[in-house]
Amino acid sequence: MACRRWVGEQPGPVAQFRMEPRWVAAFLSSLLLGRQRSFAADSRHLRSFVRPEPAVEDTHFIPPRGSFVVVTNHYYRPGYNMWWGMATIGEAISRSRGSPTEVTWIVANRWTYPDRLRQHVVTPLSLIVFRRLARMYGFISMPPMPPHPEWAAEAVQAIRRTLTVAASATEESPVILGLAPEGGDSPDGRLVLPPAGVGRFIAHLTRRGLGFVPVGVFEENGRLTARFGPPFVPAVEDSAAHTETDRQVADQVMGTIARLVPERLRGPWASEPTVRVGSGTGEG
């Protein structure tokens, strides 16, 4: 294990993430050739590349059937990528339901930067790669929120697609959506306020009758941990102004996630009480 030396974390060992070259070659081949892959299947492989094995806690909160939205924090540290948390969550849902279960993650379709050089070089390249990645896994790609005026049409299209996918859910063919409301890495791993518009987006999903399952992702004692929490439905006041709905719903969701991570990572929600059921229903 390596030792962490960065703001927002306690010193000590950290988990290690190393992909097998053969799997990487197959992944890149599919990405370049436009072949579809199962993220549920790849999640099993990705989780096996983590040392020590990730801990998954309180999986009894995962609904055994039906549709829902899994919401999680965008945990970050140098050497860690959000995909490891997504894979750990997806594999836990598949194990809980007893069969490979696909999560349709809503992901950013490009990286953005404040400087003109990376805006004109890295951002367009990331758009190409992330769009191909979303098609390969059946994810929904969306421009970073709030969208740049030039990307507004893309954002509307992505929101409509998400709502269409949500509306297609049936008892026989449930839909599980995945969302990290923060939309990007924070400088020190602590929770941050979601961008403007995310709360309204979540409100739309709530009005479609979907429940939400929160997951806190973090590292503790050198081990990647995903802690599930009780399902909930955000309270949406239809009479409230758009900006007020946006703020209230985003705050509810992030506050619920904050209760599942260590206090040092809660950021603006540091006063939230810890949710720790400790029923022994977990993995790892």
C-alpha atoms as a PDB file:
ATOM      1  CA  MET A   1       0.000   0.000   0.000  1.00  0.00           C
ATOM      2  CA  ALA A   2       1.024   3.608  -0.555  1.00  0.00           C
ATOM      3  CA  CYS A   3       0.690   6.422   1.980  1.00  0.00           C
ATOM      4  CA  ARG A   4      -1.651   9.340   1.386  1.00  0.00           C
ATOM      5  CA  ARG A   5      -0.391  12.882   1.742  1.00  0.00           C
ATOM      6  CA  TRP A   6      -3.151  15.219   0.700  1.00  0.00           C
ATOM      7  CA  VAL A   7      -5.768  17.539   2.125  1.00  0.00           C
ATOM      8  CA  GLY A   8      -8.995  16.058   3.426  1.00  0.00           C
ATOM      9  CA  GLU A   9      -7.770  12.584   4.318  1.00  0.00           C
ATOM     10  CA  GLN A  10      -6.111  10.977   7.283  1.00  0.00           C
ATOM     11  CA  PRO A  11      -2.504   9.794   6.795  1.00  0.00           C
ATOM     12  CA  GLY A  12      -2.083   6.078   6.377  1.00  0.00           C
ATOM     13  CA  PRO A  13      -2.438   3.295   3.812  1.00  0.00           C
ATOM     14  CA  VAL A  14      -4.700   3.606   0.797  1.00  0.00           C
ATOM     15  CA  ALA A  15      -6.308   1.058  -1.503  1.00  0.00           C
ATOM     16  CA  GLN A  16      -4.466   0.113  -4.676  1.00  0.00           C
ATOM     17  CA  PHE A  17      -6.082  -0.038  -8.117  1.00  0.00           C
ATOM     18  CA  ARG A  18      -4.285  -2.015 -10.825  1.00  0.00           C
ATOM     19  CA  MET A  19      -5.973  -3.246 -14.001  1.00  0.00           C
ATOM     20  CA  GLU A  20      -4.880  -6.420 -15.759  1.00  0.00           C
ATOM     21  CA  PRO A  21      -3.280  -5.667 -19.159  1.00  0.00           C
ATOM     22  CA  ARG A  22      -5.444  -8.278 -20.887  1.00  0.00           C
ATOM     23  CA  TRP A  23      -8.633  -6.676 -19.616  1.00  0.00           C
ATOM     24  CA  VAL A  24      -7.391  -3.210 -20.587  1.00  0.00           C
ATOM     25  CA  ALA A  25      -6.645  -4.458 -24.119  1.00  0.00           C
ATOM     26  CA  ALA A  26     -10.162  -5.902 -24.470  1.00  0.00           C
ATOM     27  CA  PHE A  27     -11.679  -2.692 -23.102  1.00  0.00           C
ATOM     28  CA  LEU A  28      -9.736  -0.458 -25.496  1.00  0.00           C
ATOM     29  CA  SER A  29     -10.560  -2.732 -28.424  1.00  0.00           C
ATOM     30  CA  SER A  30     -14.285  -2.435 -27.686  1.00  0.00           C
ATOM     31  CA  LEU A  31     -13.986   1.328 -27.257  1.00  0.00           C
ATOM     32  CA  LEU A  32     -12.160   1.819 -30.557  1.00  0.00           C
ATOM     33  CA  LEU A  33     -14.337  -0.581 -32.547  1.00  0.00           C
ATOM     34  CA  GLY A  34     -17.632   0.615 -31.076  1.00  0.00           C
ATOM     35  CA  ARG A  35     -18.590  -2.743 -29.560  1.00  0.00           C
ATOM     36  CA  GLN A  36     -21.021  -2.787 -26.660  1.00  0.00           C
ATOM     37  CA  ARG A  37     -19.953  -4.117 -23.274  1.00  0.00           C
ATOM     38  CA  SER A  38     -21.806  -4.960 -20.077  1.00  0.00           C
ATOM     39  CA  PHE A  39     -20.828  -2.699 -17.200  1.00  0.00           C
ATOM     40  CA  ALA A  40     -22.290  -5.274 -14.810  1.00  0.00           C
ATOM     41  CA  ALA A  41     -19.828  -7.850 -16.154  1.00  0.00           C
ATOM     42  CA  ASP A  42     -16.930  -5.393 -16.205  1.00  0.00           C
ATOM     43  CA  SER A  43     -17.736  -4.320 -12.646  1.00  0.00           C
ATOM     44  CA  ARG A  44     -16.881  -7.819 -11.439  1.00  0.00           C
ATOM     45  CA  HIS A  45     -13.466  -7.554 -13.084  1.00  0.00           C
ATOM     46  CA  LEU A  46     -12.827  -4.006 -11.896  1.00  0.00           C
ATOM     47  CA  ARG A  47     -13.663  -4.877  -8.323  1.00  0.00           C
ATOM     48  CA  SER A  48     -11.243  -7.819  -8.450  1.00  0.00           C
ATOM     49  CA  PHE A  49      -8.436  -5.396  -9.374  1.00  0.00           C
ATOM     50  CA  VAL A  50      -8.780  -3.481  -6.085  1.00  0.00           C
ATOM     51  CA  ARG A  51      -6.493  -4.379  -3.179  1.00  0.00           C
ATOM     52  CA  PRO A  52      -7.597  -4.968  -0.527  1.00  0.00           C
ATOM     53  CA  GLU A  53     -11.044  -6.094  -1.666  1.00  0.00           C
ATOM     54  CA  PRO A  54     -13.608  -3.294  -1.269  1.00  0.00           C
ATOM     55  CA  ALA A  55     -15.952  -3.366   1.702  1.00  0.00           C
ATOM     56  CA  VAL A  56     -19.661  -3.053   0.947  1.00  0.00           C
ATOM     57  CA  GLU A  57     -21.907  -2.283   3.901  1.00  0.00           C
ATOM     58  CA  ASP A  58     -25.643  -2.467   4.570  1.00  0.00           C
ATOM     59  CA  THR A  59     -26.626  -4.047   1.264  1.00  0.00           C
ATOM     60  CA  HIS A  60     -29.995  -4.968   2.794  1.00  0.00           C
ATOM     61  CA  PHE A  61     -31.046  -1.442   1.813  1.00  0.00           C
ATOM     62  CA  ILE A  62     -30.842  -2.391  -1.883  1.00  0.00           C
ATOM     63  CA  PRO A  63     -34.419  -2.993  -3.101  1.00  0.00           C
ATOM     64  CA  PRO A  64     -34.759  -6.652  -4.173  1.00  0.00           C
ATOM     65  CA  ARG A  65     -36.876  -5.661  -7.175  1.00  0.00           C
ATOM     66  CA  GLY A  66     -38.232  -2.642  -8.992  1.00  0.00           C
ATOM     67  CA  SER A  67     -36.696   0.575 -10.272  1.00  0.00           C
ATOM     68  CA  PHE A  68     -34.763   3.234  -8.387  1.00  0.00           C
ATOM     69  CA  VAL A  69     -32.010   5.839  -8.654  1.00  0.00           C
ATOM     70  CA  VAL A  70     -28.730   5.205  -6.859  1.00  0.00           C
ATOM     71  CA  VAL A  71     -27.097   8.475  -5.773  1.00  0.00           C
ATOM     72  CA  THR A  72     -23.520   8.647  -4.541  1.00  0.00           C
ATOM     73  CA  ASN A  73     -20.760  11.113  -3.771  1.00  0.00           C
ATOM     74  CA  HIS A  74     -18.038  11.858  -6.320  1.00  0.00           C
ATOM     75  CA  TYR A  75     -15.246  10.655  -4.019  1.00  0.00           C
ATOM     76  CA  TYR A  76     -11.766  11.667  -5.143  1.00  0.00           C
ATOM     77  CA  ARG A  77      -8.119  11.458  -4.242  1.00  0.00           C
ATOM     78  CA  PRO A  78      -4.953  11.296  -6.372  1.00  0.00           C
ATOM     79  CA  GLY A  79      -4.690   7.780  -7.799  1.00  0.00           C
ATOM     80  CA  TYR A  80      -8.424   7.085  -7.521  1.00  0.00           C
ATOM     81  CA  ASN A  81     -11.064   7.400 -10.225  1.00  0.00           C
ATOM     82  CA  MET A  82     -14.845   7.574  -9.844  1.00  0.00           C
ATOM     83  CA  TRP A  83     -15.192   4.429 -11.988  1.00  0.00           C
ATOM     84  CA  TRP A  84     -13.950   2.266  -9.106  1.00  0.00           C
ATOM     85  CA  GLY A  85     -16.833   3.431  -6.939  1.00  0.00           C
ATOM     86  CA  MET A  86     -19.332   2.952  -9.755  1.00  0.00           C
ATOM     87  CA  ALA A  87     -18.077  -0.599 -10.304  1.00  0.00           C
ATOM     88  CA  THR A  88     -18.220  -1.414  -6.586  1.00  0.00           C
ATOM     89  CA  ILE A  89     -21.795  -0.123  -6.347  1.00  0.00           C
ATOM     90  CA  GLY A  90     -22.892  -1.934  -9.508  1.00  0.00           C
ATOM     91  CA  GLU A  91     -21.383  -5.233  -8.417  1.00  0.00           C
ATOM     92  CA  ALA A  92     -23.062  -4.927  -5.016  1.00  0.00           C
ATOM     93  CA  ILE A  93     -26.463  -4.417  -6.661  1.00  0.00           C
ATOM     94  CA  SER A  94     -25.920  -7.435  -8.929  1.00  0.00           C
ATOM     95  CA  ARG A  95     -24.946  -9.616  -5.964  1.00  0.00           C
ATOM     96  CA  SER A  96     -27.894  -8.401  -3.921  1.00  0.00           C
ATOM     97  CA  ARG A  97     -30.361  -9.166  -6.715  1.00  0.00           C
ATOM     98  CA  GLY A  98     -28.773 -12.507  -7.521  1.00  0.00           C
ATOM     99  CA  SER A  99     -28.065 -11.812 -11.194  1.00  0.00           C
ATOM    100  CA  PRO A 100     -26.103  -9.342 -13.359  1.00  0.00           C
ATOM    101  CA  THR A 101     -27.946  -6.035 -13.082  1.00  0.00           C
ATOM    102  CA  GLU A 102     -27.115  -3.089 -15.300  1.00  0.00           C
ATOM    103  CA  VAL A 103     -27.048   0.400 -13.827  1.00  0.00           C
ATOM    104  CA  THR A 104     -27.589   3.184 -16.358  1.00  0.00           C
ATOM    105  CA  TRP A 105     -25.155   5.785 -15.087  1.00  0.00           C
ATOM    106  CA  ILE A 106     -25.611   9.439 -16.004  1.00  0.00           C
ATOM    107  CA  VAL A 107     -22.104  10.669 -16.773  1.00  0.00           C
ATOM    108  CA  ALA A 108     -20.428  13.876 -17.924  1.00  0.00           C
ATOM    109  CA  ASN A 109     -19.598  13.875 -21.617  1.00  0.00           C
ATOM    110  CA  ARG A 110     -16.511  16.092 -21.458  1.00  0.00           C
ATOM    111  CA  TRP A 111     -13.864  17.544 -19.199  1.00  0.00           C
ATOM    112  CA  THR A 112     -13.834  21.328 -18.842  1.00  0.00           C
ATOM    113  CA  TYR A 113     -10.971  23.641 -17.921  1.00  0.00           C
ATOM    114  CA  PRO A 114     -10.495  27.339 -17.104  1.00  0.00           C
ATOM    115  CA  ASP A 115      -7.555  27.848 -19.492  1.00  0.00           C
ATOM    116  CA  ARG A 116      -7.958  28.250 -23.241  1.00  0.00           C
ATOM    117  CA  LEU A 117      -5.297  25.691 -24.199  1.00  0.00           C
ATOM    118  CA  ARG A 118      -7.007  22.743 -22.545  1.00  0.00           C
ATOM    119  CA  GLN A 119     -10.433  24.100 -23.548  1.00  0.00           C
ATOM    120  CA  HIS A 120      -9.433  23.826 -27.191  1.00  0.00           C
ATOM    121  CA  VAL A 121      -7.383  20.613 -26.999  1.00  0.00           C
ATOM    122  CA  VAL A 122      -8.406  18.343 -24.112  1.00  0.00           C
ATOM    123  CA  THR A 123     -12.123  19.177 -23.934  1.00  0.00           C
ATOM    124  CA  PRO A 124     -12.900  18.168 -27.570  1.00  0.00           C
ATOM    125  CA  LEU A 125     -10.854  14.969 -27.223  1.00  0.00           C
ATOM    126  CA  SER A 126     -12.587  14.051 -23.969  1.00  0.00           C
ATOM    127  CA  LEU A 127     -15.968  14.604 -25.660  1.00  0.00           C
ATOM    128  CA  ILE A 128     -15.113  12.008 -28.315  1.00  0.00           C
ATOM    129  CA  VAL A 129     -13.877   9.451 -25.773  1.00  0.00           C
ATOM    130  CA  PHE A 130     -16.688   9.914 -23.248  1.00  0.00           C
ATOM    131  CA  ARG A 131     -19.409   9.709 -25.887  1.00  0.00           C
ATOM    132  CA  ARG A 132     -17.973   6.439 -27.165  1.00  0.00           C
ATOM    133  CA  LEU A 133     -17.694   5.174 -23.603  1.00  0.00           C
ATOM    134  CA  ALA A 134     -21.342   6.012 -22.895  1.00  0.00           C
ATOM    135  CA  ARG A 135     -22.502   4.250 -26.071  1.00  0.00           C
ATOM    136  CA  MET A 136     -20.393   1.210 -25.233  1.00  0.00           C
ATOM    137  CA  TYR A 137     -21.993   0.789 -21.805  1.00  0.00           C
ATOM    138  CA  GLY A 138     -25.455   2.193 -22.532  1.00  0.00           C
ATOM    139  CA  PHE A 139     -24.888   5.144 -20.199  1.00  0.00           C
ATOM    140  CA  ILE A 140     -26.496   8.558 -20.603  1.00  0.00           C
ATOM    141  CA  SER A 141     -23.928  11.263 -21.328  1.00  0.00           C
ATOM    142  CA  MET A 142     -24.695  14.831 -20.358  1.00  0.00           C
ATOM    143  CA  PRO A 143     -22.719  18.084 -20.566  1.00  0.00           C
ATOM    144  CA  PRO A 144     -21.381  19.359 -17.232  1.00  0.00           C
ATOM    145  CA  MET A 145     -23.948  21.298 -15.218  1.00  0.00           C
ATOM    146  CA  PRO A 146     -24.860  24.062 -15.483  1.00  0.00           C
ATOM    147  CA  PRO A 147     -24.321  23.654 -19.210  1.00  0.00           C
ATOM    148  CA  HIS A 148     -22.428  26.202 -21.254  1.00  0.00           C
ATOM    149  CA  PRO A 149     -24.912  28.097 -23.489  1.00  0.00           C
ATOM    150  CA  GLU A 150     -23.493  26.276 -26.510  1.00  0.00           C
ATOM    151  CA  TRP A 151     -24.283  22.930 -24.875  1.00  0.00           C
ATOM    152  CA  ALA A 152     -27.847  23.738 -23.774  1.00  0.00           C
ATOM    153  CA  ALA A 153     -29.422  21.654 -26.555  1.00  0.00           C
ATOM    154  CA  GLU A 154     -27.257  18.670 -25.554  1.00  0.00           C
ATOM    155  CA  ALA A 155     -28.376  19.038 -21.937  1.00  0.00           C
ATOM    156  CA  VAL A 156     -32.061  19.134 -22.892  1.00  0.00           C
ATOM    157  CA  GLN A 157     -31.613  16.047 -25.065  1.00  0.00           C
ATOM    158  CA  ALA A 158     -29.854  14.164 -22.252  1.00  0.00           C
ATOM    159  CA  ILE A 159     -32.538  15.092 -19.725  1.00  0.00           C
ATOM    160  CA  ARG A 160     -35.278  13.964 -22.106  1.00  0.00           C
ATOM    161  CA  ARG A 161     -33.493  10.681 -22.706  1.00  0.00           C
ATOM    162  CA  THR A 162     -33.146  10.119 -18.962  1.00  0.00           C
ATOM    163  CA  LEU A 163     -36.846  10.764 -18.386  1.00  0.00           C
ATOM    164  CA  THR A 164     -37.722   8.474 -21.309  1.00  0.00           C
ATOM    165  CA  VAL A 165     -35.602   5.693 -19.820  1.00  0.00           C
ATOM    166  CA  ALA A 166     -37.242   6.239 -16.429  1.00  0.00           C
ATOM    167  CA  ALA A 167     -40.718   6.139 -17.986  1.00  0.00           C
ATOM    168  CA  SER A 168     -39.907   2.858 -19.755  1.00  0.00           C
ATOM    169  CA  ALA A 169     -39.526   1.000 -16.465  1.00  0.00           C
ATOM    170  CA  THR A 170     -41.946  -1.841 -15.819  1.00  0.00           C
ATOM    171  CA  GLU A 171     -42.237  -4.485 -13.142  1.00  0.00           C
ATOM    172  CA  GLU A 172     -40.777  -7.032 -15.558  1.00  0.00           C
ATOM    173  CA  SER A 173     -38.064  -4.683 -16.870  1.00  0.00           C
ATOM    174  CA  PRO A 174     -37.011  -2.372 -14.038  1.00  0.00           C
ATOM    175  CA  VAL A 175     -34.613   0.514 -14.563  1.00  0.00           C
ATOM    176  CA  ILE A 176     -31.788   1.489 -12.233  1.00  0.00           C
ATOM    177  CA  LEU A 177     -30.254   4.899 -12.839  1.00  0.00           C
ATOM    178  CA  GLY A 178     -26.960   6.011 -11.299  1.00  0.00           C
ATOM    179  CA  LEU A 179     -26.053   9.602 -10.480  1.00  0.00           C
ATOM    180  CA  ALA A 180     -23.282  11.479  -8.649  1.00  0.00           C
ATOM    181  CA  PRO A 181     -24.955  14.873  -8.041  1.00  0.00           C
ATOM    182  CA  GLU A 182     -21.668  16.752  -7.475  1.00  0.00           C
ATOM    183  CA  GLY A 183     -20.818  16.140 -11.121  1.00  0.00           C
ATOM    184  CA  GLY A 184     -17.052  16.155 -10.689  1.00  0.00           C
ATOM    185  CA  ASP A 185     -14.059  15.745  -8.415  1.00  0.00           C
ATOM    186  CA  SER A 186     -13.674  18.005  -5.392  1.00  0.00           C
ATOM    187  CA  PRO A 187     -10.183  19.332  -4.620  1.00  0.00           C
ATOM    188  CA  ASP A 188      -9.837  17.388  -1.377  1.00  0.00           C
ATOM    189  CA  GLY A 189     -12.390  14.571  -1.489  1.00  0.00           C
ATOM    190  CA  ARG A 190     -14.929  16.353   0.705  1.00  0.00           C
ATOM    191  CA  LEU A 191     -18.539  16.626  -0.436  1.00  0.00           C
ATOM    192  CA  VAL A 192     -19.347  19.790  -2.385  1.00  0.00           C
ATOM    193  CA  LEU A 193     -22.525  21.532  -3.486  1.00  0.00           C
ATOM    194  CA  PRO A 194     -23.935  20.170  -6.766  1.00  0.00           C
ATOM    195  CA  PRO A 195     -23.962  22.554  -9.734  1.00  0.00           C
ATOM    196  CA  ALA A 196     -27.064  24.615 -10.442  1.00  0.00           C
ATOM    197  CA  GLY A 197     -29.777  22.579 -12.143  1.00  0.00           C
ATOM    198  CA  VAL A 198     -28.991  19.206 -10.577  1.00  0.00           C
ATOM    199  CA  GLY A 199     -31.675  19.568  -7.901  1.00  0.00           C
ATOM    200  CA  ARG A 200     -34.342  20.325 -10.525  1.00  0.00           C
ATOM    201  CA  PHE A 201     -33.164  17.339 -12.556  1.00  0.00           C
ATOM    202  CA  ILE A 202     -33.568  15.081  -9.508  1.00  0.00           C
ATOM    203  CA  ALA A 203     -37.004  16.609  -8.882  1.00  0.00           C
ATOM    204  CA  HIS A 204     -38.068  15.533 -12.391  1.00  0.00           C
ATOM    205  CA  LEU A 205     -37.031  11.944 -11.589  1.00  0.00           C
ATOM    206  CA  THR A 206     -38.908  12.110  -8.289  1.00  0.00           C
ATOM    207  CA  ARG A 207     -42.080  13.171 -10.091  1.00  0.00           C
ATOM    208  CA  ARG A 208     -41.706  10.078 -12.287  1.00  0.00           C
ATOM    209  CA  GLY A 209     -42.257   7.996  -9.160  1.00  0.00           C
ATOM    210  CA  LEU A 210     -38.687   6.815  -8.664  1.00  0.00           C
ATOM    211  CA  GLY A 211     -37.227   6.230  -5.224  1.00  0.00           C
ATOM    212  CA  PHE A 212     -33.593   6.898  -4.353  1.00  0.00           C
ATOM    213  CA  VAL A 213     -30.948   4.733  -2.700  1.00  0.00           C
ATOM    214  CA  PRO A 214     -27.964   6.667  -1.284  1.00  0.00           C
ATOM    215  CA  VAL A 215     -24.416   5.296  -1.189  1.00  0.00           C
ATOM    216  CA  GLY A 216     -21.420   6.834   0.541  1.00  0.00           C
ATOM    217  CA  VAL A 217     -18.066   5.955  -1.038  1.00  0.00           C
ATOM    218  CA  PHE A 218     -14.842   6.569   0.865  1.00  0.00           C
ATOM    219  CA  GLU A 219     -11.645   4.953   2.101  1.00  0.00           C
ATOM    220  CA  GLU A 220     -11.246   3.830   5.688  1.00  0.00           C
ATOM    221  CA  ASN A 221      -8.199   2.059   7.100  1.00  0.00           C
ATOM    222  CA  GLY A 222      -6.769   1.624   3.616  1.00  0.00           C
ATOM    223  CA  ARG A 223      -9.902   0.030   2.176  1.00  0.00           C
ATOM    224  CA  LEU A 224     -12.358   1.337  -0.401  1.00  0.00           C
ATOM    225  CA  THR A 225     -15.806   1.259   1.184  1.00  0.00           C
ATOM    226  CA  ALA A 226     -19.311   1.641  -0.238  1.00  0.00           C
ATOM    227  CA  ARG A 227     -21.977   2.123   2.424  1.00  0.00           C
ATOM    228  CA  PHE A 228     -25.632   1.900   1.380  1.00  0.00           C
ATOM    229  CA  GLY A 229     -28.337   3.844   3.184  1.00  0.00           C
ATOM    230  CA  PRO A 230     -32.124   3.610   3.550  1.00  0.00           C
ATOM    231  CA  PRO A 231     -34.159   4.341   0.398  1.00  0.00           C
ATOM    232  CA  PHE A 232     -35.810   7.751   0.407  1.00  0.00           C
ATOM    233  CA  VAL A 233     -37.845  10.116  -1.755  1.00  0.00           C
ATOM    234  CA  PRO A 234     -36.798  13.791  -1.819  1.00  0.00           C
ATOM    235  CA  ALA A 235     -39.534  16.217  -0.816  1.00  0.00           C
ATOM    236  CA  VAL A 236     -40.391  18.419  -3.791  1.00  0.00           C
ATOM    237  CA  GLU A 237     -42.528  21.524  -3.293  1.00  0.00           C
ATOM    238  CA  ASP A 238     -44.318  22.143  -6.572  1.00  0.00           C
ATOM    239  CA  SER A 239     -45.190  25.689  -5.528  1.00  0.00           C
ATOM    240  CA  ALA A 240     -41.557  26.669  -4.901  1.00  0.00           C
ATOM    241  CA  ALA A 241     -39.553  28.741  -7.370  1.00  0.00           C
ATOM    242  CA  HIS A 242     -37.185  26.886  -9.680  1.00  0.00           C
ATOM    243  CA  THR A 243     -34.089  28.117  -7.873  1.00  0.00           C
ATOM    244  CA  GLU A 244     -35.530  27.208  -4.476  1.00  0.00           C
ATOM    245  CA  THR A 245     -36.521  23.719  -5.663  1.00  0.00           C
ATOM    246  CA  ASP A 246     -33.056  23.272  -7.112  1.00  0.00           C
ATOM    247  CA  ARG A 247     -31.345  24.189  -3.852  1.00  0.00           C
ATOM    248  CA  GLN A 248     -33.704  22.304  -1.523  1.00  0.00           C
ATOM    249  CA  VAL A 249     -33.675  19.026  -3.444  1.00  0.00           C
ATOM    250  CA  ALA A 250     -29.909  19.060  -3.972  1.00  0.00           C
ATOM    251  CA  ASP A 251     -29.394  19.764  -0.267  1.00  0.00           C
ATOM    252  CA  GLN A 252     -31.680  16.893   0.741  1.00  0.00           C
ATOM    253  CA  VAL A 253     -29.884  14.395  -1.467  1.00  0.00           C
ATOM    254  CA  MET A 254     -26.371  15.462  -0.502  1.00  0.00           C
ATOM    255  CA  GLY A 255     -27.311  15.583   3.181  1.00  0.00           C
ATOM    256  CA  THR A 256     -28.535  11.995   2.942  1.00  0.00           C
ATOM    257  CA  ILE A 257     -25.268  10.897   1.306  1.00  0.00           C
ATOM    258  CA  ALA A 258     -23.249  12.857   3.890  1.00  0.00           C
ATOM    259  CA  ARG A 259     -24.643  10.723   6.709  1.00  0.00           C
ATOM    260  CA  LEU A 260     -22.992   7.681   5.112  1.00  0.00           C
ATOM    261  CA  VAL A 261     -19.412   8.987   4.888  1.00  0.00           C
ATOM    262  CA  PRO A 262     -16.906   9.834   7.641  1.00  0.00           C
ATOM    263  CA  GLU A 263     -17.369  13.266   9.192  1.00  0.00           C
ATOM    264  CA  ARG A 264     -14.077  14.521   7.733  1.00  0.00           C
ATOM    265  CA  LEU A 265     -15.526  14.160   4.208  1.00  0.00           C
ATOM    266  CA  ARG A 266     -18.952  15.756   4.741  1.00  0.00           C
ATOM    267  CA  GLY A 267     -18.006  19.290   3.746  1.00  0.00           C
ATOM    268  CA  PRO A 268     -21.037  21.633   4.053  1.00  0.00           C
ATOM    269  CA  TRP A 269     -23.026  18.823   5.703  1.00  0.00           C
ATOM    270  CA  ALA A 270     -20.591  18.216   8.586  1.00  0.00           C
ATOM    271  CA  SER A 271     -23.412  18.581  11.122  1.00  0.00           C
ATOM    272  CA  GLU A 272     -25.412  15.690   9.646  1.00  0.00           C
ATOM    273  CA  PRO A 273     -25.775  12.742  12.067  1.00  0.00           C
ATOM    274  CA  THR A 274     -24.035   9.517  11.098  1.00  0.00           C
ATOM    275  CA  VAL A 275     -26.208   6.717   9.745  1.00  0.00           C
ATOM    276  CA  ARG A 276     -24.678   3.475  10.885  1.00  0.00           C
ATOM    277  CA  VAL A 277     -27.043   0.524  10.947  1.00  0.00           C
ATOM    278  CA  GLY A 278     -24.382  -2.146  11.303  1.00  0.00           C
ATOM    279  CA  SER A 279     -26.694  -5.061  10.628  1.00  0.00           C
ATOM    280  CA  GLY A 280     -23.879  -7.212   9.356  1.00  0.00           C
ATOM    281  CA  THR A 281     -25.315  -7.377   5.858  1.00  0.00           C
ATOM    282  CA  GLY A 282     -22.300  -6.568   3.800  1.00  0.00           C
ATOM    283  CA  GLU A 283     -19.460  -7.931   1.741  1.00  0.00           C
ATOM    284  CA  GLY A 284     -15.733  -7.951   1.943  1.00  0.00           C
END
